Amino acid sequence: MATLLEKLKQAVNNGQIQQPFTTEDLKRWISTGSIINDDTGSNYSQTYVEGFLSSSTVGSTSTKSDKALRKLGTDPESYEF
């Protein structure tokens, strides 16, 4: 089972999602690619995706251990590995 971060990294490496990407780009990729949460077998909620980006950013204060995204400080906010 892969985490959303692992799935996202693989999608970037395969060219399925371009860097840098926005929250809306990520939501669209999840929706059109039918990406599901392997732990629950359900779709990822909109709020989960927004929290995921925040907690997966290097330097965030979350306790999540697999932080790999870099926030670019753009408008709209963009991220990259």
C-alpha atoms as a PDB file:
ATOM      1  CA  MET A   1       0.000   0.000   0.000  1.00  0.00           C
ATOM      2  CA  ALA A   2       1.324   3.388  -0.976  1.00  0.00           C
ATOM      3  CA  THR A   3       0.763   6.679   0.812  1.00  0.00           C
ATOM      4  CA  LEU A   4      -0.673   9.649  -1.031  1.00  0.00           C
ATOM      5  CA  LEU A   5       2.786  11.233  -0.985  1.00  0.00           C
ATOM      6  CA  GLU A   6       4.289   8.133  -2.616  1.00  0.00           C
ATOM      7  CA  LYS A   7       1.516   8.059  -5.226  1.00  0.00           C
ATOM      8  CA  LEU A   8       2.030  11.749  -5.949  1.00  0.00           C
ATOM      9  CA  LYS A   9       5.786  11.347  -6.321  1.00  0.00           C
ATOM     10  CA  GLN A  10       5.271   8.442  -8.726  1.00  0.00           C
ATOM     11  CA  ALA A  11       2.754  10.490 -10.735  1.00  0.00           C
ATOM     12  CA  VAL A  12       5.245  13.363 -10.993  1.00  0.00           C
ATOM     13  CA  ASN A  13       7.999  10.971 -12.077  1.00  0.00           C
ATOM     14  CA  ASN A  14       5.658   9.430 -14.691  1.00  0.00           C
ATOM     15  CA  GLY A  15       4.590  12.844 -16.004  1.00  0.00           C
ATOM     16  CA  GLN A  16       0.963  12.448 -14.881  1.00  0.00           C
ATOM     17  CA  ILE A  17       1.157  15.677 -12.885  1.00  0.00           C
ATOM     18  CA  GLN A  18       3.486  18.556 -13.688  1.00  0.00           C
ATOM     19  CA  GLN A  19       5.636  20.452 -11.209  1.00  0.00           C
ATOM     20  CA  PRO A  20       5.043  22.839  -9.687  1.00  0.00           C
ATOM     21  CA  PHE A  21       1.459  21.901  -8.881  1.00  0.00           C
ATOM     22  CA  THR A  22      -1.302  23.656  -6.977  1.00  0.00           C
ATOM     23  CA  THR A  23      -3.878  22.287  -4.566  1.00  0.00           C
ATOM     24  CA  GLU A  24      -6.396  22.346  -7.417  1.00  0.00           C
ATOM     25  CA  ASP A  25      -3.990  20.414  -9.678  1.00  0.00           C
ATOM     26  CA  LEU A  26      -3.651  17.760  -6.981  1.00  0.00           C
ATOM     27  CA  LYS A  27      -7.406  17.539  -6.429  1.00  0.00           C
ATOM     28  CA  ARG A  28      -7.995  17.218 -10.182  1.00  0.00           C
ATOM     29  CA  TRP A  29      -5.360  14.454 -10.474  1.00  0.00           C
ATOM     30  CA  ILE A  30      -6.927  12.560  -7.564  1.00  0.00           C
ATOM     31  CA  SER A  31     -10.402  12.913  -9.060  1.00  0.00           C
ATOM     32  CA  THR A  32      -9.612  12.101 -12.688  1.00  0.00           C
ATOM     33  CA  GLY A  33      -7.175   9.335 -11.777  1.00  0.00           C
ATOM     34  CA  SER A  34      -9.570   7.725  -9.307  1.00  0.00           C
ATOM     35  CA  ILE A  35      -6.854   7.804  -6.656  1.00  0.00           C
ATOM     36  CA  ILE A  36      -8.170   6.224  -3.453  1.00  0.00           C
ATOM     37  CA  ASN A  37      -6.934   5.978   0.106  1.00  0.00           C
ATOM     38  CA  ASP A  38      -5.424   2.492   0.400  1.00  0.00           C
ATOM     39  CA  ASP A  39      -6.029   2.436   4.161  1.00  0.00           C
ATOM     40  CA  THR A  40      -9.767   3.010   3.875  1.00  0.00           C
ATOM     41  CA  GLY A  41     -10.583   2.061   0.283  1.00  0.00           C
ATOM     42  CA  SER A  42     -12.403   5.391  -0.024  1.00  0.00           C
ATOM     43  CA  ASN A  43     -11.852   8.588  -1.957  1.00  0.00           C
ATOM     44  CA  TYR A  44      -9.707  11.280  -0.390  1.00  0.00           C
ATOM     45  CA  SER A  45     -11.826  14.144   0.955  1.00  0.00           C
ATOM     46  CA  GLN A  46     -11.140  17.739  -0.090  1.00  0.00           C
ATOM     47  CA  THR A  47     -10.129  18.649   3.463  1.00  0.00           C
ATOM     48  CA  TYR A  48      -7.788  15.657   3.660  1.00  0.00           C
ATOM     49  CA  VAL A  49      -5.991  16.811   0.506  1.00  0.00           C
ATOM     50  CA  GLU A  50      -5.570  20.345   1.818  1.00  0.00           C
ATOM     51  CA  GLY A  51      -4.241  19.055   5.142  1.00  0.00           C
ATOM     52  CA  PHE A  52      -1.992  16.588   3.329  1.00  0.00           C
ATOM     53  CA  LEU A  53      -0.226  19.368   1.437  1.00  0.00           C
ATOM     54  CA  SER A  54       0.317  21.376   4.589  1.00  0.00           C
ATOM     55  CA  SER A  55       1.605  18.453   6.647  1.00  0.00           C
ATOM     56  CA  SER A  56       3.790  17.053   3.833  1.00  0.00           C
ATOM     57  CA  THR A  57       5.736  20.288   3.377  1.00  0.00           C
ATOM     58  CA  VAL A  58       9.330  20.351   4.569  1.00  0.00           C
ATOM     59  CA  GLY A  59       9.553  22.643   7.580  1.00  0.00           C
ATOM     60  CA  SER A  60       5.928  22.233   8.633  1.00  0.00           C
ATOM     61  CA  THR A  61       5.217  21.772  12.313  1.00  0.00           C
ATOM     62  CA  SER A  62       3.250  18.554  11.794  1.00  0.00           C
ATOM     63  CA  THR A  63       4.449  15.324  13.358  1.00  0.00           C
ATOM     64  CA  LYS A  64       4.300  13.576   9.993  1.00  0.00           C
ATOM     65  CA  SER A  65       7.651  11.932   9.262  1.00  0.00           C
ATOM     66  CA  ASP A  66       7.524  11.733   5.455  1.00  0.00           C
ATOM     67  CA  LYS A  67       7.735  15.405   4.491  1.00  0.00           C
ATOM     68  CA  ALA A  68       9.020  15.894   0.952  1.00  0.00           C
ATOM     69  CA  LEU A  69       7.178  18.817  -0.627  1.00  0.00           C
ATOM     70  CA  ARG A  70       8.517  22.335  -0.954  1.00  0.00           C
ATOM     71  CA  LYS A  71       6.079  25.243  -0.805  1.00  0.00           C
ATOM     72  CA  LEU A  72       6.958  27.881  -3.396  1.00  0.00           C
ATOM     73  CA  GLY A  73       5.129  30.913  -1.978  1.00  0.00           C
ATOM     74  CA  THR A  74       3.215  31.652  -5.170  1.00  0.00           C
ATOM     75  CA  ASP A  75      -0.373  32.757  -5.706  1.00  0.00           C
ATOM     76  CA  PRO A  76      -2.072  30.348  -5.942  1.00  0.00           C
ATOM     77  CA  GLU A  77       0.240  28.351  -3.704  1.00  0.00           C
ATOM     78  CA  SER A  78       2.348  25.824  -5.596  1.00  0.00           C
ATOM     79  CA  TYR A  79       4.359  22.813  -4.453  1.00  0.00           C
ATOM     80  CA  GLU A  80       7.147  20.658  -5.814  1.00  0.00           C
ATOM     81  CA  PHE A  81       9.386  17.791  -4.711  1.00  0.00           C
END
